[in-house]
Each structure stands twice: as C-alpha cells, then as structure tokens.
Amino acid sequence: MQTRQGFSDLAELTLDDLGQHLIQILICHLPLCDLIYLKKFILLLKFYIINAVRRKRLNVILL
C-alpha cells in the first residue's frame, strides 16, 4: 500500500498531469493483455477523478 509521502505533490497536479501519472502506472504495472483488469482499472480511475472534481481537489489516494 502506498503511503502519502509518495503522493505529497498530488494536490498540486492538474488533471492532465494526473492522467499522465496514472498512464505511467498503467503501463508499468498492468499486464496489457488482461483486458478485463484494464477495464476495471479505467472504471476505478474515472470514479476517483469524478470524486476529486466534485470535492474540488485532486488529493486522491491511488491503490
């Protein structure tokens, strides 16, 4: 599990920066051939971004 220290700058990121960061995580850690897992990851990502925008902050904890 990630600690907050690894994401201390997350609140200062724009949605663009956040998207780029999450794409890097996606490429590095997910098996690209596993489409079901990829779909679940994208749905979870949308959920976190929508909630962050609703709260007007980008301080989300990534799994």
PDB file of N, CA and C in Angstrom:
ATOM      1  N   MET A   1       0.836  -1.185   0.000  1.00  0.00           N
ATOM      2  CA  MET A   1       0.000   0.000   0.000  1.00  0.00           C
ATOM      3  C   MET A   1       0.882   1.251   0.000  1.00  0.00           C
ATOM      4  N   GLN A   2       0.531   2.229  -0.824  1.00  0.00           N
ATOM      5  CA  GLN A   2       1.311   3.451  -0.927  1.00  0.00           C
ATOM      6  C   GLN A   2       1.087   4.325   0.297  1.00  0.00           C
ATOM      7  N   THR A   3       2.145   5.012   0.689  1.00  0.00           N
ATOM      8  CA  THR A   3       1.998   5.990   1.766  1.00  0.00           C
ATOM      9  C   THR A   3       1.732   7.361   1.160  1.00  0.00           C
ATOM     10  N   ARG A   4       1.285   8.278   1.980  1.00  0.00           N
ATOM     11  CA  ARG A   4       1.008   9.638   1.496  1.00  0.00           C
ATOM     12  C   ARG A   4       2.279  10.337   1.034  1.00  0.00           C
ATOM     13  N   GLN A   5       3.436   9.938   1.563  1.00  0.00           N
ATOM     14  CA  GLN A   5       4.694  10.584   1.205  1.00  0.00           C
ATOM     15  C   GLN A   5       4.938  10.497  -0.304  1.00  0.00           C
ATOM     16  N   GLY A   6       4.592   9.379  -0.918  1.00  0.00           N
ATOM     17  CA  GLY A   6       4.798   9.201  -2.341  1.00  0.00           C
ATOM     18  C   GLY A   6       3.912  10.089  -3.189  1.00  0.00           C
ATOM     19  N   PHE A   7       2.854  10.608  -2.629  1.00  0.00           N
ATOM     20  CA  PHE A   7       1.906  11.426  -3.376  1.00  0.00           C
ATOM     21  C   PHE A   7       1.758  12.818  -2.772  1.00  0.00           C
ATOM     22  N   SER A   8       2.821  13.330  -2.165  1.00  0.00           N
ATOM     23  CA  SER A   8       2.716  14.619  -1.487  1.00  0.00           C
ATOM     24  C   SER A   8       2.412  15.766  -2.439  1.00  0.00           C
ATOM     25  N   ASP A   9       2.821  15.652  -3.714  1.00  0.00           N
ATOM     26  CA  ASP A   9       2.589  16.720  -4.683  1.00  0.00           C
ATOM     27  C   ASP A   9       1.271  16.560  -5.414  1.00  0.00           C
ATOM     28  N   LEU A  10       0.507  15.530  -5.119  1.00  0.00           N
ATOM     29  CA  LEU A  10      -0.678  15.198  -5.910  1.00  0.00           C
ATOM     30  C   LEU A  10      -1.705  16.317  -5.907  1.00  0.00           C
ATOM     31  N   ALA A  11      -1.834  17.035  -4.805  1.00  0.00           N
ATOM     32  CA  ALA A  11      -2.828  18.102  -4.722  1.00  0.00           C
ATOM     33  C   ALA A  11      -2.515  19.248  -5.678  1.00  0.00           C
ATOM     34  N   GLU A  12      -1.248  19.375  -6.088  1.00  0.00           N
ATOM     35  CA  GLU A  12      -0.849  20.465  -6.973  1.00  0.00           C
ATOM     36  C   GLU A  12      -0.931  20.092  -8.450  1.00  0.00           C
ATOM     37  N   LEU A  13      -1.250  18.854  -8.754  1.00  0.00           N
ATOM     38  CA  LEU A  13      -1.284  18.416 -10.138  1.00  0.00           C
ATOM     39  C   LEU A  13      -2.565  18.863 -10.834  1.00  0.00           C
ATOM     40  N   THR A  14      -2.454  19.114 -12.119  1.00  0.00           N
ATOM     41  CA  THR A  14      -3.651  19.356 -12.915  1.00  0.00           C
ATOM     42  C   THR A  14      -4.216  18.015 -13.339  1.00  0.00           C
ATOM     43  N   LEU A  15      -5.406  18.014 -13.917  1.00  0.00           N
ATOM     44  CA  LEU A  15      -5.983  16.760 -14.404  1.00  0.00           C
ATOM     45  C   LEU A  15      -5.094  16.133 -15.468  1.00  0.00           C
ATOM     46  N   ASP A  16      -4.461  16.962 -16.305  1.00  0.00           N
ATOM     47  CA  ASP A  16      -3.550  16.458 -17.328  1.00  0.00           C
ATOM     48  C   ASP A  16      -2.380  15.713 -16.708  1.00  0.00           C
ATOM     49  N   ASP A  17      -1.756  16.344 -15.697  1.00  0.00           N
ATOM     50  CA  ASP A  17      -0.624  15.722 -15.020  1.00  0.00           C
ATOM     51  C   ASP A  17      -1.042  14.429 -14.337  1.00  0.00           C
ATOM     52  N   LEU A  18      -2.210  14.455 -13.717  1.00  0.00           N
ATOM     53  CA  LEU A  18      -2.713  13.270 -13.041  1.00  0.00           C
ATOM     54  C   LEU A  18      -2.929  12.138 -14.039  1.00  0.00           C
ATOM     55  N   GLY A  19      -3.506  12.479 -15.192  1.00  0.00           N
ATOM     56  CA  GLY A  19      -3.725  11.475 -16.229  1.00  0.00           C
ATOM     57  C   GLY A  19      -2.425  10.874 -16.718  1.00  0.00           C
ATOM     58  N   GLN A  20      -1.412  11.693 -16.935  1.00  0.00           N
ATOM     59  CA  GLN A  20      -0.116  11.199 -17.391  1.00  0.00           C
ATOM     60  C   GLN A  20       0.519  10.293 -16.344  1.00  0.00           C
ATOM     61  N   HIS A  21       0.422  10.687 -15.087  1.00  0.00           N
ATOM     62  CA  HIS A  21       0.972   9.882 -13.992  1.00  0.00           C
ATOM     63  C   HIS A  21       0.288   8.514 -13.936  1.00  0.00           C
ATOM     64  N   LEU A  22      -1.041   8.498 -14.082  1.00  0.00           N
ATOM     65  CA  LEU A  22      -1.776   7.245 -13.998  1.00  0.00           C
ATOM     66  C   LEU A  22      -1.533   6.363 -15.221  1.00  0.00           C
ATOM     67  N   ILE A  23      -1.299   6.978 -16.384  1.00  0.00           N
ATOM     68  CA  ILE A  23      -0.959   6.187 -17.571  1.00  0.00           C
ATOM     69  C   ILE A  23       0.390   5.503 -17.366  1.00  0.00           C
ATOM     70  N   GLN A  24       1.344   6.199 -16.738  1.00  0.00           N
ATOM     71  CA  GLN A  24       2.636   5.580 -16.442  1.00  0.00           C
ATOM     72  C   GLN A  24       2.465   4.380 -15.508  1.00  0.00           C
ATOM     73  N   ILE A  25       1.610   4.518 -14.501  1.00  0.00           N
ATOM     74  CA  ILE A  25       1.333   3.414 -13.587  1.00  0.00           C
ATOM     75  C   ILE A  25       0.715   2.256 -14.368  1.00  0.00           C
ATOM     76  N   LEU A  26      -0.222   2.593 -15.240  1.00  0.00           N
ATOM     77  CA  LEU A  26      -0.908   1.590 -16.048  1.00  0.00           C
ATOM     78  C   LEU A  26       0.081   0.805 -16.895  1.00  0.00           C
ATOM     79  N   ILE A  27       0.977   1.514 -17.586  1.00  0.00           N
ATOM     80  CA  ILE A  27       1.930   0.854 -18.473  1.00  0.00           C
ATOM     81  C   ILE A  27       2.913  -0.001 -17.679  1.00  0.00           C
ATOM     82  N   CYS A  28       3.344   0.487 -16.519  1.00  0.00           N
ATOM     83  CA  CYS A  28       4.377  -0.210 -15.755  1.00  0.00           C
ATOM     84  C   CYS A  28       3.848  -1.419 -14.979  1.00  0.00           C
ATOM     85  N   HIS A  29       2.612  -1.381 -14.516  1.00  0.00           N
ATOM     86  CA  HIS A  29       2.166  -2.379 -13.551  1.00  0.00           C
ATOM     87  C   HIS A  29       1.062  -3.312 -14.017  1.00  0.00           C
ATOM     88  N   LEU A  30       0.416  -3.005 -15.124  1.00  0.00           N
ATOM     89  CA  LEU A  30      -0.685  -3.860 -15.544  1.00  0.00           C
ATOM     90  C   LEU A  30      -0.287  -4.705 -16.749  1.00  0.00           C
ATOM     91  N   PRO A  31      -0.678  -5.968 -16.766  1.00  0.00           N
ATOM     92  CA  PRO A  31      -0.474  -6.786 -17.959  1.00  0.00           C
ATOM     93  C   PRO A  31      -1.389  -6.290 -19.074  1.00  0.00           C
ATOM     94  N   LEU A  32      -0.815  -5.870 -20.187  1.00  0.00           N
ATOM     95  CA  LEU A  32      -1.605  -5.246 -21.246  1.00  0.00           C
ATOM     96  C   LEU A  32      -2.564  -6.218 -21.918  1.00  0.00           C
ATOM     97  N   CYS A  33      -2.310  -7.511 -21.771  1.00  0.00           N
ATOM     98  CA  CYS A  33      -3.192  -8.485 -22.416  1.00  0.00           C
ATOM     99  C   CYS A  33      -4.432  -8.792 -21.585  1.00  0.00           C
ATOM    100  N   ASP A  34      -4.468  -8.320 -20.356  1.00  0.00           N
ATOM    101  CA  ASP A  34      -5.605  -8.621 -19.478  1.00  0.00           C
ATOM    102  C   ASP A  34      -6.655  -7.519 -19.592  1.00  0.00           C
ATOM    103  N   LEU A  35      -7.550  -7.632 -20.564  1.00  0.00           N
ATOM    104  CA  LEU A  35      -8.494  -6.557 -20.863  1.00  0.00           C
ATOM    105  C   LEU A  35      -9.542  -6.364 -19.770  1.00  0.00           C
ATOM    106  N   ILE A  36      -9.919  -7.421 -19.083  1.00  0.00           N
ATOM    107  CA  ILE A  36     -10.908  -7.291 -18.009  1.00  0.00           C
ATOM    108  C   ILE A  36     -10.332  -6.449 -16.874  1.00  0.00           C
ATOM    109  N   TYR A  37      -9.089  -6.741 -16.503  1.00  0.00           N
ATOM    110  CA  TYR A  37      -8.447  -5.981 -15.437  1.00  0.00           C
ATOM    111  C   TYR A  37      -8.249  -4.534 -15.864  1.00  0.00           C
ATOM    112  N   LEU A  38      -7.886  -4.322 -17.128  1.00  0.00           N
ATOM    113  CA  LEU A  38      -7.704  -2.979 -17.664  1.00  0.00           C
ATOM    114  C   LEU A  38      -9.007  -2.183 -17.595  1.00  0.00           C
ATOM    115  N   LYS A  39     -10.119  -2.826 -17.957  1.00  0.00           N
ATOM    116  CA  LYS A  39     -11.414  -2.152 -17.919  1.00  0.00           C
ATOM    117  C   LYS A  39     -11.778  -1.762 -16.483  1.00  0.00           C
ATOM    118  N   LYS A  40     -11.539  -2.657 -15.530  1.00  0.00           N
ATOM    119  CA  LYS A  40     -11.825  -2.346 -14.126  1.00  0.00           C
ATOM    120  C   LYS A  40     -10.964  -1.187 -13.633  1.00  0.00           C
ATOM    121  N   PHE A  41      -9.706  -1.175 -14.055  1.00  0.00           N
ATOM    122  CA  PHE A  41      -8.800  -0.105 -13.652  1.00  0.00           C
ATOM    123  C   PHE A  41      -9.291   1.241 -14.180  1.00  0.00           C
ATOM    124  N   ILE A  42      -9.714   1.284 -15.436  1.00  0.00           N
ATOM    125  CA  ILE A  42     -10.197   2.532 -16.032  1.00  0.00           C
ATOM    126  C   ILE A  42     -11.467   3.011 -15.343  1.00  0.00           C
ATOM    127  N   LEU A  43     -12.375   2.100 -15.028  1.00  0.00           N
ATOM    128  CA  LEU A  43     -13.597   2.490 -14.319  1.00  0.00           C
ATOM    129  C   LEU A  43     -13.277   3.044 -12.931  1.00  0.00           C
ATOM    130  N   LEU A  44     -12.332   2.406 -12.239  1.00  0.00           N
ATOM    131  CA  LEU A  44     -11.914   2.888 -10.920  1.00  0.00           C
ATOM    132  C   LEU A  44     -11.269   4.259 -11.027  1.00  0.00           C
ATOM    133  N   LEU A  45     -10.453   4.451 -12.056  1.00  0.00           N
ATOM    134  CA  LEU A  45      -9.805   5.732 -12.290  1.00  0.00           C
ATOM    135  C   LEU A  45     -10.838   6.835 -12.528  1.00  0.00           C
ATOM    136  N   LYS A  46     -11.846   6.556 -13.344  1.00  0.00           N
ATOM    137  CA  LYS A  46     -12.913   7.535 -13.590  1.00  0.00           C
ATOM    138  C   LYS A  46     -13.626   7.894 -12.285  1.00  0.00           C
ATOM    139  N   PHE A  47     -13.897   6.899 -11.458  1.00  0.00           N
ATOM    140  CA  PHE A  47     -14.557   7.119 -10.175  1.00  0.00           C
ATOM    141  C   PHE A  47     -13.750   8.081  -9.301  1.00  0.00           C
ATOM    142  N   TYR A  48     -12.423   7.851  -9.203  1.00  0.00           N
ATOM    143  CA  TYR A  48     -11.585   8.706  -8.375  1.00  0.00           C
ATOM    144  C   TYR A  48     -11.512  10.119  -8.931  1.00  0.00           C
ATOM    145  N   ILE A  49     -11.400  10.270 -10.252  1.00  0.00           N
ATOM    146  CA  ILE A  49     -11.308  11.612 -10.839  1.00  0.00           C
ATOM    147  C   ILE A  49     -12.614  12.368 -10.660  1.00  0.00           C
ATOM    148  N   ILE A  50     -13.740  11.708 -10.887  1.00  0.00           N
ATOM    149  CA  ILE A  50     -15.042  12.363 -10.710  1.00  0.00           C
ATOM    150  C   ILE A  50     -15.222  12.813  -9.268  1.00  0.00           C
ATOM    151  N   ASN A  51     -14.874  11.959  -8.329  1.00  0.00           N
ATOM    152  CA  ASN A  51     -14.996  12.340  -6.916  1.00  0.00           C
ATOM    153  C   ASN A  51     -14.061  13.486  -6.559  1.00  0.00           C
ATOM    154  N   ALA A  52     -12.851  13.472  -7.123  1.00  0.00           N
ATOM    155  CA  ALA A  52     -11.902  14.551  -6.843  1.00  0.00           C
ATOM    156  C   ALA A  52     -12.408  15.880  -7.384  1.00  0.00           C
ATOM    157  N   VAL A  53     -12.995  15.857  -8.572  1.00  0.00           N
ATOM    158  CA  VAL A  53     -13.532  17.083  -9.157  1.00  0.00           C
ATOM    159  C   VAL A  53     -14.725  17.576  -8.346  1.00  0.00           C
ATOM    160  N   ARG A  54     -15.554  16.664  -7.896  1.00  0.00           N
ATOM    161  CA  ARG A  54     -16.709  17.056  -7.065  1.00  0.00           C
ATOM    162  C   ARG A  54     -16.260  17.722  -5.776  1.00  0.00           C
ATOM    163  N   ARG A  55     -15.185  17.248  -5.227  1.00  0.00           N
ATOM    164  CA  ARG A  55     -14.680  17.837  -3.980  1.00  0.00           C
ATOM    165  C   ARG A  55     -13.769  19.028  -4.243  1.00  0.00           C
ATOM    166  N   LYS A  56     -13.560  19.336  -5.526  1.00  0.00           N
ATOM    167  CA  LYS A  56     -12.705  20.451  -5.954  1.00  0.00           C
ATOM    168  C   LYS A  56     -11.291  20.299  -5.434  1.00  0.00           C
ATOM    169  N   ARG A  57     -10.811  19.092  -5.440  1.00  0.00           N
ATOM    170  CA  ARG A  57      -9.423  18.836  -5.071  1.00  0.00           C
ATOM    171  C   ARG A  57      -8.983  17.563  -5.773  1.00  0.00           C
ATOM    172  N   LEU A  58      -7.689  17.398  -5.899  1.00  0.00           N
ATOM    173  CA  LEU A  58      -7.146  16.224  -6.559  1.00  0.00           C
ATOM    174  C   LEU A  58      -6.341  15.363  -5.595  1.00  0.00           C
ATOM    175  N   ASN A  59      -6.635  15.487  -4.320  1.00  0.00           N
ATOM    176  CA  ASN A  59      -5.897  14.735  -3.318  1.00  0.00           C
ATOM    177  C   ASN A  59      -6.554  13.367  -3.136  1.00  0.00           C
ATOM    178  N   VAL A  60      -6.370  12.479  -4.119  1.00  0.00           N
ATOM    179  CA  VAL A  60      -6.948  11.148  -4.061  1.00  0.00           C
ATOM    180  C   VAL A  60      -5.853  10.156  -3.728  1.00  0.00           C
ATOM    181  N   ILE A  61      -6.226   9.076  -3.110  1.00  0.00           N
ATOM    182  CA  ILE A  61      -5.276   8.025  -2.777  1.00  0.00           C
ATOM    183  C   ILE A  61      -5.387   6.948  -3.837  1.00  0.00           C
ATOM    184  N   LEU A  62      -4.269   6.658  -4.485  1.00  0.00           N
ATOM    185  CA  LEU A  62      -4.261   5.642  -5.530  1.00  0.00           C
ATOM    186  C   LEU A  62      -3.983   4.283  -4.924  1.00  0.00           C
ATOM    187  N   LEU A  63      -4.653   3.272  -5.421  1.00  0.00           N
ATOM    188  CA  LEU A  63      -4.441   1.911  -4.923  1.00  0.00           C
ATOM    189  C   LEU A  63      -3.226   1.287  -5.563  1.00  0.00           C
TER     190      LEU A  63
END
